[in-house]
């Protein structure tokens, strides 16, 4: 008789006649038990061998690397577009932006990396990433750098290009930040390769736009008047039907102030001159 697993049934009454037990049964029983045990061990060893062979043949799945384990791309040194030097010369605001459309700078930082008696080298480091809103991406952002000592007559240079980008001086502009009549408009400013712009609002509804650009890039309409501003003489363009603009040059930079009246209002030439004369030109 065979058991369900195919091995011999070693119970009494299985292969042997019931009620008759030969004298040598203990020896036969021992031999059968050893044979069965050996067969079971052999089956286990063969199964283990084939299991190892199967595991060796299976392809090893690649280990999934989490975002935390992925090394971040190191920041690159980027070229900056222009600079605005503070009135006291102890800090510089550099303007930098991405070079491709629909990109933005990630954690940008600016610092002085070299300086001597003739120059100050500023480096901007940042990573670039896909912008969350392509309609507002691409604009240069301001990064303020504190200088170990006032800039003086030294030249600002960009560490990426080694060239001196356009640098504009607050001391060549009127002191608008201290004039409570005019407040900077946070959404009306820009700095590009061709110039720097900042808008100001007046409580009366008029609007003032301060601008600076390299003189080689500046073009202006016909002159309609002149005005002495501090130690400089400016020229006036425009007309009462629209807006008036005051222009003056300092070194290789041309600055301007454009005054636009509130909607439905106008400025005469004399009124415009009077408004410009009220600004702090020291």
C-alpha atoms as a PDB file:
ATOM      1  CA  UNK A   1       0.000   0.000   0.000  1.00  0.00           C
ATOM      2  CA  UNK A   2       1.176   3.555  -0.797  1.00  0.00           C
ATOM      3  CA  UNK A   3       0.409   6.674   1.160  1.00  0.00           C
ATOM      4  CA  UNK A   4      -0.945   9.823  -0.414  1.00  0.00           C
ATOM      5  CA  UNK A   5       2.548  11.267  -0.944  1.00  0.00           C
ATOM      6  CA  UNK A   6       3.805   8.165  -2.807  1.00  0.00           C
ATOM      7  CA  UNK A   7       6.063   6.848  -0.032  1.00  0.00           C
ATOM      8  CA  UNK A   8       5.560   3.278   1.353  1.00  0.00           C
ATOM      9  CA  UNK A   9       3.022   2.949   4.165  1.00  0.00           C
ATOM     10  CA  UNK A  10       5.063   1.694   7.141  1.00  0.00           C
ATOM     11  CA  UNK A  11       2.158   1.232   9.534  1.00  0.00           C
ATOM     12  CA  UNK A  12       1.293  -2.260  10.883  1.00  0.00           C
ATOM     13  CA  UNK A  13      -1.016  -3.985   8.441  1.00  0.00           C
ATOM     14  CA  UNK A  14       0.344  -2.084   5.479  1.00  0.00           C
ATOM     15  CA  UNK A  15       2.711  -4.271   3.385  1.00  0.00           C
ATOM     16  CA  UNK A  16       2.897  -7.080   5.958  1.00  0.00           C
ATOM     17  CA  UNK A  17       0.177  -9.670   6.800  1.00  0.00           C
ATOM     18  CA  UNK A  18      -1.892  -8.717   9.812  1.00  0.00           C
ATOM     19  CA  UNK A  19      -1.003 -10.684  12.999  1.00  0.00           C
ATOM     20  CA  UNK A  20       2.322 -12.117  11.674  1.00  0.00           C
ATOM     21  CA  UNK A  21       5.512 -10.259  12.531  1.00  0.00           C
ATOM     22  CA  UNK A  22       8.745 -11.970  11.354  1.00  0.00           C
ATOM     23  CA  UNK A  23      11.679 -12.210  13.675  1.00  0.00           C
ATOM     24  CA  UNK A  24      13.858  -9.883  11.530  1.00  0.00           C
ATOM     25  CA  UNK A  25      11.265  -7.073  11.314  1.00  0.00           C
ATOM     26  CA  UNK A  26      13.138  -4.669  13.591  1.00  0.00           C
ATOM     27  CA  UNK A  27      16.114  -4.768  11.151  1.00  0.00           C
ATOM     28  CA  UNK A  28      13.900  -4.341   8.071  1.00  0.00           C
ATOM     29  CA  UNK A  29      12.045  -1.520   9.727  1.00  0.00           C
ATOM     30  CA  UNK A  30      15.338   0.289  10.462  1.00  0.00           C
ATOM     31  CA  UNK A  31      16.576  -0.162   6.899  1.00  0.00           C
ATOM     32  CA  UNK A  32      13.340   1.152   5.437  1.00  0.00           C
ATOM     33  CA  UNK A  33      13.358   4.157   7.784  1.00  0.00           C
ATOM     34  CA  UNK A  34      16.931   5.069   6.756  1.00  0.00           C
ATOM     35  CA  UNK A  35      16.084   4.732   3.081  1.00  0.00           C
ATOM     36  CA  UNK A  36      13.089   6.968   3.422  1.00  0.00           C
ATOM     37  CA  UNK A  37      15.098   9.605   5.296  1.00  0.00           C
ATOM     38  CA  UNK A  38      17.845   9.486   2.675  1.00  0.00           C
ATOM     39  CA  UNK A  39      15.289   9.902  -0.097  1.00  0.00           C
ATOM     40  CA  UNK A  40      13.721  12.896   1.658  1.00  0.00           C
ATOM     41  CA  UNK A  41      17.128  14.572   2.103  1.00  0.00           C
ATOM     42  CA  UNK A  42      17.923  13.968  -1.568  1.00  0.00           C
ATOM     43  CA  UNK A  43      14.660  15.540  -2.670  1.00  0.00           C
ATOM     44  CA  UNK A  44      15.326  18.575  -0.469  1.00  0.00           C
ATOM     45  CA  UNK A  45      18.884  19.009  -1.831  1.00  0.00           C
ATOM     46  CA  UNK A  46      17.741  18.731  -5.451  1.00  0.00           C
ATOM     47  CA  UNK A  47      14.946  21.227  -4.849  1.00  0.00           C
ATOM     48  CA  UNK A  48      17.351  23.674  -3.189  1.00  0.00           C
ATOM     49  CA  UNK A  49      19.779  23.351  -6.143  1.00  0.00           C
ATOM     50  CA  UNK A  50      17.096  24.110  -8.731  1.00  0.00           C
ATOM     51  CA  UNK A  51      15.792  27.022  -6.616  1.00  0.00           C
ATOM     52  CA  UNK A  52      19.268  28.558  -6.533  1.00  0.00           C
ATOM     53  CA  UNK A  53      19.618  28.072 -10.278  1.00  0.00           C
ATOM     54  CA  UNK A  54      16.260  29.776 -10.872  1.00  0.00           C
ATOM     55  CA  UNK A  55      17.158  32.750  -8.645  1.00  0.00           C
ATOM     56  CA  UNK A  56      20.477  33.141 -10.452  1.00  0.00           C
ATOM     57  CA  UNK A  57      18.688  33.171 -13.801  1.00  0.00           C
ATOM     58  CA  UNK A  58      16.134  35.804 -12.736  1.00  0.00           C
ATOM     59  CA  UNK A  59      17.114  39.386 -13.721  1.00  0.00           C
ATOM     60  CA  UNK A  60      17.989  41.645 -10.807  1.00  0.00           C
ATOM     61  CA  UNK A  61      15.468  44.488 -10.530  1.00  0.00           C
ATOM     62  CA  UNK A  62      17.126  47.917 -10.412  1.00  0.00           C
ATOM     63  CA  UNK A  63      17.065  49.615  -7.030  1.00  0.00           C
ATOM     64  CA  UNK A  64      14.705  52.543  -6.886  1.00  0.00           C
ATOM     65  CA  UNK A  65      16.545  55.725  -5.865  1.00  0.00           C
ATOM     66  CA  UNK A  66      14.482  58.215  -3.934  1.00  0.00           C
ATOM     67  CA  UNK A  67      14.564  61.943  -4.643  1.00  0.00           C
ATOM     68  CA  UNK A  68      16.489  62.532  -1.438  1.00  0.00           C
ATOM     69  CA  UNK A  69      19.262  60.215  -2.609  1.00  0.00           C
ATOM     70  CA  UNK A  70      19.519  61.891  -6.044  1.00  0.00           C
ATOM     71  CA  UNK A  71      22.330  64.466  -5.910  1.00  0.00           C
ATOM     72  CA  UNK A  72      21.161  67.989  -6.736  1.00  0.00           C
ATOM     73  CA  UNK A  73      22.699  69.681  -9.732  1.00  0.00           C
ATOM     74  CA  UNK A  74      25.362  72.120  -8.512  1.00  0.00           C
ATOM     75  CA  UNK A  75      24.655  75.820  -9.128  1.00  0.00           C
ATOM     76  CA  UNK A  76      26.216  77.414 -12.188  1.00  0.00           C
ATOM     77  CA  UNK A  77      27.905  80.787 -12.488  1.00  0.00           C
ATOM     78  CA  UNK A  78      25.564  82.966 -14.540  1.00  0.00           C
ATOM     79  CA  UNK A  79      26.131  86.259 -16.300  1.00  0.00           C
ATOM     80  CA  UNK A  80      24.305  89.253 -14.828  1.00  0.00           C
ATOM     81  CA  UNK A  81      22.806  92.027 -16.973  1.00  0.00           C
ATOM     82  CA  UNK A  82      23.356  95.305 -15.170  1.00  0.00           C
ATOM     83  CA  UNK A  83      23.988  96.870 -11.772  1.00  0.00           C
ATOM     84  CA  UNK A  84      22.608  99.733  -9.701  1.00  0.00           C
ATOM     85  CA  UNK A  85      25.117 101.176  -7.217  1.00  0.00           C
ATOM     86  CA  UNK A  86      23.652 102.543  -3.975  1.00  0.00           C
ATOM     87  CA  UNK A  87      23.948 106.261  -3.306  1.00  0.00           C
ATOM     88  CA  UNK A  88      26.637 105.719  -0.626  1.00  0.00           C
ATOM     89  CA  UNK A  89      28.492 103.151  -2.756  1.00  0.00           C
ATOM     90  CA  UNK A  90      28.515 100.447  -0.051  1.00  0.00           C
ATOM     91  CA  UNK A  91      26.143  98.042  -1.825  1.00  0.00           C
ATOM     92  CA  UNK A  92      25.349  97.019  -5.379  1.00  0.00           C
ATOM     93  CA  UNK A  93      22.153  95.537  -6.785  1.00  0.00           C
ATOM     94  CA  UNK A  94      22.911  93.237  -9.701  1.00  0.00           C
ATOM     95  CA  UNK A  95      20.161  92.009 -12.005  1.00  0.00           C
ATOM     96  CA  UNK A  96      20.288  88.458 -13.347  1.00  0.00           C
ATOM     97  CA  UNK A  97      17.839  86.195 -15.126  1.00  0.00           C
ATOM     98  CA  UNK A  98      17.603  82.889 -17.021  1.00  0.00           C
ATOM     99  CA  UNK A  99      18.913  82.641 -20.563  1.00  0.00           C
ATOM    100  CA  UNK A 100      16.025  80.530 -21.920  1.00  0.00           C
ATOM    101  CA  UNK A 101      12.280  81.091 -22.157  1.00  0.00           C
ATOM    102  CA  UNK A 102       9.988  79.668 -19.477  1.00  0.00           C
ATOM    103  CA  UNK A 103      12.866  79.157 -17.037  1.00  0.00           C
ATOM    104  CA  UNK A 104      13.529  80.688 -13.646  1.00  0.00           C
ATOM    105  CA  UNK A 105      16.478  80.910 -11.295  1.00  0.00           C
ATOM    106  CA  UNK A 106      16.485  78.596  -8.270  1.00  0.00           C
ATOM    107  CA  UNK A 107      18.069  79.965  -5.081  1.00  0.00           C
ATOM    108  CA  UNK A 108      20.224  82.615  -6.791  1.00  0.00           C
ATOM    109  CA  UNK A 109      23.037  84.200  -4.798  1.00  0.00           C
ATOM    110  CA  UNK A 110      25.477  87.004  -5.607  1.00  0.00           C
ATOM    111  CA  UNK A 111      28.782  87.745  -3.912  1.00  0.00           C
ATOM    112  CA  UNK A 112      32.087  89.555  -4.398  1.00  0.00           C
ATOM    113  CA  UNK A 113      34.658  86.966  -5.521  1.00  0.00           C
ATOM    114  CA  UNK A 114      37.593  89.274  -6.285  1.00  0.00           C
ATOM    115  CA  UNK A 115      38.542  92.900  -5.842  1.00  0.00           C
ATOM    116  CA  UNK A 116      41.528  95.216  -5.970  1.00  0.00           C
ATOM    117  CA  UNK A 117      42.174  98.919  -6.367  1.00  0.00           C
ATOM    118  CA  UNK A 118      40.672  99.079  -9.865  1.00  0.00           C
ATOM    119  CA  UNK A 119      37.834  96.542 -10.023  1.00  0.00           C
ATOM    120  CA  UNK A 120      35.245  94.546  -8.100  1.00  0.00           C
ATOM    121  CA  UNK A 121      34.225  91.153  -9.535  1.00  0.00           C
ATOM    122  CA  UNK A 122      30.745  89.885  -8.636  1.00  0.00           C
ATOM    123  CA  UNK A 123      29.557  86.336  -9.330  1.00  0.00           C
ATOM    124  CA  UNK A 124      25.941  85.175  -9.515  1.00  0.00           C
ATOM    125  CA  UNK A 125      25.382  81.468  -8.821  1.00  0.00           C
ATOM    126  CA  UNK A 126      22.074  79.669  -9.293  1.00  0.00           C
ATOM    127  CA  UNK A 127      20.377  76.610 -10.702  1.00  0.00           C
ATOM    128  CA  UNK A 128      17.780  76.988 -13.440  1.00  0.00           C
ATOM    129  CA  UNK A 129      14.428  75.228 -13.497  1.00  0.00           C
ATOM    130  CA  UNK A 130      11.176  75.149 -15.362  1.00  0.00           C
ATOM    131  CA  UNK A 131       9.089  78.201 -14.525  1.00  0.00           C
ATOM    132  CA  UNK A 132       5.708  77.639 -12.893  1.00  0.00           C
ATOM    133  CA  UNK A 133       4.243  80.477 -14.991  1.00  0.00           C
ATOM    134  CA  UNK A 134       5.791  81.044 -18.414  1.00  0.00           C
ATOM    135  CA  UNK A 135       3.948  84.354 -18.854  1.00  0.00           C
ATOM    136  CA  UNK A 136       5.944  85.984 -16.053  1.00  0.00           C
ATOM    137  CA  UNK A 137       9.230  84.088 -16.428  1.00  0.00           C
ATOM    138  CA  UNK A 138      12.424  85.438 -17.929  1.00  0.00           C
ATOM    139  CA  UNK A 139      12.498  88.690 -15.966  1.00  0.00           C
ATOM    140  CA  UNK A 140      15.747  89.652 -14.291  1.00  0.00           C
ATOM    141  CA  UNK A 141      15.671  89.621 -10.498  1.00  0.00           C
ATOM    142  CA  UNK A 142      17.589  91.988  -8.169  1.00  0.00           C
ATOM    143  CA  UNK A 143      20.322  90.583  -5.928  1.00  0.00           C
ATOM    144  CA  UNK A 144      21.875  92.920  -3.359  1.00  0.00           C
ATOM    145  CA  UNK A 145      25.603  92.578  -2.668  1.00  0.00           C
ATOM    146  CA  UNK A 146      27.280  94.353   0.257  1.00  0.00           C
ATOM    147  CA  UNK A 147      30.768  95.626  -0.543  1.00  0.00           C
ATOM    148  CA  UNK A 148      33.646  95.379   1.942  1.00  0.00           C
ATOM    149  CA  UNK A 149      34.363  99.053   1.179  1.00  0.00           C
ATOM    150  CA  UNK A 150      32.678 101.709  -0.996  1.00  0.00           C
ATOM    151  CA  UNK A 151      32.974 101.132  -4.730  1.00  0.00           C
ATOM    152  CA  UNK A 152      34.437 104.566  -5.455  1.00  0.00           C
ATOM    153  CA  UNK A 153      35.890 104.773  -8.950  1.00  0.00           C
ATOM    154  CA  UNK A 154      36.426 101.032  -9.324  1.00  0.00           C
ATOM    155  CA  UNK A 155      34.821  99.121 -12.201  1.00  0.00           C
ATOM    156  CA  UNK A 156      32.253  96.378 -11.636  1.00  0.00           C
ATOM    157  CA  UNK A 157      32.911  93.167 -13.570  1.00  0.00           C
ATOM    158  CA  UNK A 158      30.875  90.023 -14.098  1.00  0.00           C
ATOM    159  CA  UNK A 159      32.652  86.811 -13.052  1.00  0.00           C
ATOM    160  CA  UNK A 160      30.983  84.753 -15.800  1.00  0.00           C
ATOM    161  CA  UNK A 161      31.850  86.956 -18.772  1.00  0.00           C
ATOM    162  CA  UNK A 162      34.765  88.915 -17.194  1.00  0.00           C
ATOM    163  CA  UNK A 163      33.192  91.993 -18.858  1.00  0.00           C
ATOM    164  CA  UNK A 164      31.852  95.151 -17.180  1.00  0.00           C
ATOM    165  CA  UNK A 165      28.044  95.169 -17.654  1.00  0.00           C
ATOM    166  CA  UNK A 166      26.259  98.547 -17.583  1.00  0.00           C
ATOM    167  CA  UNK A 167      26.410 100.077 -14.108  1.00  0.00           C
ATOM    168  CA  UNK A 168      24.034 102.861 -13.053  1.00  0.00           C
ATOM    169  CA  UNK A 169      24.548 105.126 -10.052  1.00  0.00           C
ATOM    170  CA  UNK A 170      21.827 106.220  -7.662  1.00  0.00           C
ATOM    171  CA  UNK A 171      23.828 109.382  -6.961  1.00  0.00           C
ATOM    172  CA  UNK A 172      23.219 110.446 -10.583  1.00  0.00           C
ATOM    173  CA  UNK A 173      19.436 110.194 -10.013  1.00  0.00           C
ATOM    174  CA  UNK A 174      17.287 112.438  -7.823  1.00  0.00           C
ATOM    175  CA  UNK A 175      16.601 111.168  -4.300  1.00  0.00           C
ATOM    176  CA  UNK A 176      13.167 109.746  -5.051  1.00  0.00           C
ATOM    177  CA  UNK A 177      13.303 107.207  -2.229  1.00  0.00           C
ATOM    178  CA  UNK A 178      13.303 110.028   0.334  1.00  0.00           C
ATOM    179  CA  UNK A 179      10.511 111.991  -1.362  1.00  0.00           C
ATOM    180  CA  UNK A 180       7.226 110.971   0.264  1.00  0.00           C
ATOM    181  CA  UNK A 181       5.227 112.312  -2.676  1.00  0.00           C
ATOM    182  CA  UNK A 182       6.495 109.495  -4.880  1.00  0.00           C
ATOM    183  CA  UNK A 183       6.263 105.818  -3.996  1.00  0.00           C
ATOM    184  CA  UNK A 184       7.981 103.047  -5.994  1.00  0.00           C
ATOM    185  CA  UNK A 185       5.571 100.815  -7.858  1.00  0.00           C
ATOM    186  CA  UNK A 186       6.598  97.191  -7.081  1.00  0.00           C
ATOM    187  CA  UNK A 187       5.258  95.889 -10.396  1.00  0.00           C
ATOM    188  CA  UNK A 188       6.775  98.591 -12.595  1.00  0.00           C
ATOM    189  CA  UNK A 189      10.491  98.010 -12.752  1.00  0.00           C
ATOM    190  CA  UNK A 190      12.817  96.161 -15.086  1.00  0.00           C
ATOM    191  CA  UNK A 191      16.459  95.710 -15.892  1.00  0.00           C
ATOM    192  CA  UNK A 192      17.553  94.396 -19.264  1.00  0.00           C
ATOM    193  CA  UNK A 193      20.615  94.522 -21.448  1.00  0.00           C
ATOM    194  CA  UNK A 194      19.426  97.882 -22.788  1.00  0.00           C
ATOM    195  CA  UNK A 195      18.504  99.654 -19.582  1.00  0.00           C
ATOM    196  CA  UNK A 196      17.057  99.950 -16.078  1.00  0.00           C
ATOM    197  CA  UNK A 197      13.540 101.260 -15.305  1.00  0.00           C
ATOM    198  CA  UNK A 198      11.571 102.024 -12.143  1.00  0.00           C
ATOM    199  CA  UNK A 199       8.045 103.408 -11.908  1.00  0.00           C
ATOM    200  CA  UNK A 200       6.725 105.703  -9.149  1.00  0.00           C
ATOM    201  CA  UNK A 201       3.164 106.682  -8.255  1.00  0.00           C
ATOM    202  CA  UNK A 202       2.035 110.077  -7.023  1.00  0.00           C
ATOM    203  CA  UNK A 203      -0.998 110.479  -4.708  1.00  0.00           C
ATOM    204  CA  UNK A 204      -2.518 112.820  -7.288  1.00  0.00           C
ATOM    205  CA  UNK A 205      -2.623 110.013  -9.838  1.00  0.00           C
ATOM    206  CA  UNK A 206       0.347 111.060 -11.963  1.00  0.00           C
ATOM    207  CA  UNK A 207       3.112 108.626 -12.783  1.00  0.00           C
ATOM    208  CA  UNK A 208       6.885 109.018 -12.928  1.00  0.00           C
ATOM    209  CA  UNK A 209       9.217 106.642 -14.753  1.00  0.00           C
ATOM    210  CA  UNK A 210      12.940 106.793 -13.962  1.00  0.00           C
ATOM    211  CA  UNK A 211      15.240 105.163 -16.513  1.00  0.00           C
ATOM    212  CA  UNK A 212      18.932 104.659 -17.200  1.00  0.00           C
ATOM    213  CA  UNK A 213      20.638 103.204 -20.253  1.00  0.00           C
ATOM    214  CA  UNK A 214      24.038 103.307 -21.954  1.00  0.00           C
ATOM    215  CA  UNK A 215      24.282 106.535 -23.933  1.00  0.00           C
ATOM    216  CA  UNK A 216      25.100 104.544 -27.066  1.00  0.00           C
ATOM    217  CA  UNK A 217      21.661 102.875 -26.771  1.00  0.00           C
ATOM    218  CA  UNK A 218      19.722 106.032 -25.928  1.00  0.00           C
ATOM    219  CA  UNK A 219      17.660 107.875 -28.502  1.00  0.00           C
ATOM    220  CA  UNK A 220      15.397 110.812 -27.787  1.00  0.00           C
ATOM    221  CA  UNK A 221      12.898 113.003 -29.655  1.00  0.00           C
ATOM    222  CA  UNK A 222      13.465 116.616 -30.548  1.00  0.00           C
ATOM    223  CA  UNK A 223      14.350 118.985 -27.691  1.00  0.00           C
ATOM    224  CA  UNK A 224      11.624 121.422 -26.636  1.00  0.00           C
ATOM    225  CA  UNK A 225      13.331 122.977 -23.615  1.00  0.00           C
ATOM    226  CA  UNK A 226      16.189 122.825 -21.112  1.00  0.00           C
ATOM    227  CA  UNK A 227      16.398 122.693 -17.316  1.00  0.00           C
ATOM    228  CA  UNK A 228      19.284 123.030 -14.871  1.00  0.00           C
ATOM    229  CA  UNK A 229      19.248 120.163 -12.344  1.00  0.00           C
ATOM    230  CA  UNK A 230      21.877 120.471  -9.648  1.00  0.00           C
ATOM    231  CA  UNK A 231      25.253 120.697 -11.366  1.00  0.00           C
ATOM    232  CA  UNK A 232      23.922 119.393 -14.657  1.00  0.00           C
ATOM    233  CA  UNK A 233      21.801 120.714 -17.483  1.00  0.00           C
ATOM    234  CA  UNK A 234      19.010 118.545 -18.793  1.00  0.00           C
ATOM    235  CA  UNK A 235      16.953 118.678 -21.980  1.00  0.00           C
ATOM    236  CA  UNK A 236      13.180 118.259 -22.216  1.00  0.00           C
ATOM    237  CA  UNK A 237      11.160 116.357 -24.809  1.00  0.00           C
ATOM    238  CA  UNK A 238       7.448 115.610 -25.161  1.00  0.00           C
ATOM    239  CA  UNK A 239       4.350 117.763 -25.062  1.00  0.00           C
ATOM    240  CA  UNK A 240       1.299 118.775 -23.036  1.00  0.00           C
ATOM    241  CA  UNK A 241      -0.935 116.391 -24.989  1.00  0.00           C
ATOM    242  CA  UNK A 242       0.917 113.416 -23.526  1.00  0.00           C
ATOM    243  CA  UNK A 243       3.920 113.258 -21.236  1.00  0.00           C
ATOM    244  CA  UNK A 244       7.122 115.189 -20.666  1.00  0.00           C
ATOM    245  CA  UNK A 245      10.604 113.655 -20.316  1.00  0.00           C
ATOM    246  CA  UNK A 246      13.732 115.153 -18.789  1.00  0.00           C
ATOM    247  CA  UNK A 247      17.084 113.767 -20.057  1.00  0.00           C
ATOM    248  CA  UNK A 248      20.653 114.185 -18.745  1.00  0.00           C
ATOM    249  CA  UNK A 249      23.966 112.367 -19.160  1.00  0.00           C
ATOM    250  CA  UNK A 250      26.561 111.271 -16.606  1.00  0.00           C
ATOM    251  CA  UNK A 251      29.655 109.594 -17.983  1.00  0.00           C
ATOM    252  CA  UNK A 252      28.599 106.963 -20.528  1.00  0.00           C
ATOM    253  CA  UNK A 253      25.059 106.683 -19.115  1.00  0.00           C
ATOM    254  CA  UNK A 254      21.959 108.637 -20.092  1.00  0.00           C
ATOM    255  CA  UNK A 255      19.260 109.045 -17.420  1.00  0.00           C
ATOM    256  CA  UNK A 256      15.668 110.228 -17.860  1.00  0.00           C
ATOM    257  CA  UNK A 257      12.482 111.015 -15.940  1.00  0.00           C
ATOM    258  CA  UNK A 258       9.160 110.800 -17.740  1.00  0.00           C
ATOM    259  CA  UNK A 259       6.149 112.436 -16.063  1.00  0.00           C
ATOM    260  CA  UNK A 260       2.704 111.280 -17.162  1.00  0.00           C
ATOM    261  CA  UNK A 261      -0.304 113.162 -15.710  1.00  0.00           C
ATOM    262  CA  UNK A 262      -3.305 111.436 -14.197  1.00  0.00           C
ATOM    263  CA  UNK A 263      -5.987 110.330 -16.619  1.00  0.00           C
ATOM    264  CA  UNK A 264      -7.935 113.364 -17.841  1.00  0.00           C
ATOM    265  CA  UNK A 265      -5.249 115.829 -16.673  1.00  0.00           C
ATOM    266  CA  UNK A 266      -2.390 117.641 -18.406  1.00  0.00           C
ATOM    267  CA  UNK A 267       0.911 119.277 -17.507  1.00  0.00           C
ATOM    268  CA  UNK A 268       2.147 122.441 -19.163  1.00  0.00           C
ATOM    269  CA  UNK A 269       5.872 122.796 -19.800  1.00  0.00           C
ATOM    270  CA  UNK A 270       6.220 125.193 -16.865  1.00  0.00           C
ATOM    271  CA  UNK A 271       4.335 122.823 -14.567  1.00  0.00           C
ATOM    272  CA  UNK A 272       6.632 119.992 -15.597  1.00  0.00           C
ATOM    273  CA  UNK A 273       9.715 122.122 -14.911  1.00  0.00           C
ATOM    274  CA  UNK A 274       8.319 123.044 -11.516  1.00  0.00           C
ATOM    275  CA  UNK A 275       7.746 119.365 -10.611  1.00  0.00           C
ATOM    276  CA  UNK A 276      11.271 118.418 -11.675  1.00  0.00           C
ATOM    277  CA  UNK A 277      12.697 121.354  -9.705  1.00  0.00           C
ATOM    278  CA  UNK A 278      11.034 120.080  -6.512  1.00  0.00           C
ATOM    279  CA  UNK A 279      13.021 116.801  -6.598  1.00  0.00           C
ATOM    280  CA  UNK A 280      16.145 116.342  -4.487  1.00  0.00           C
ATOM    281  CA  UNK A 281      19.088 116.588  -6.908  1.00  0.00           C
ATOM    282  CA  UNK A 282      21.842 116.666  -4.292  1.00  0.00           C
END
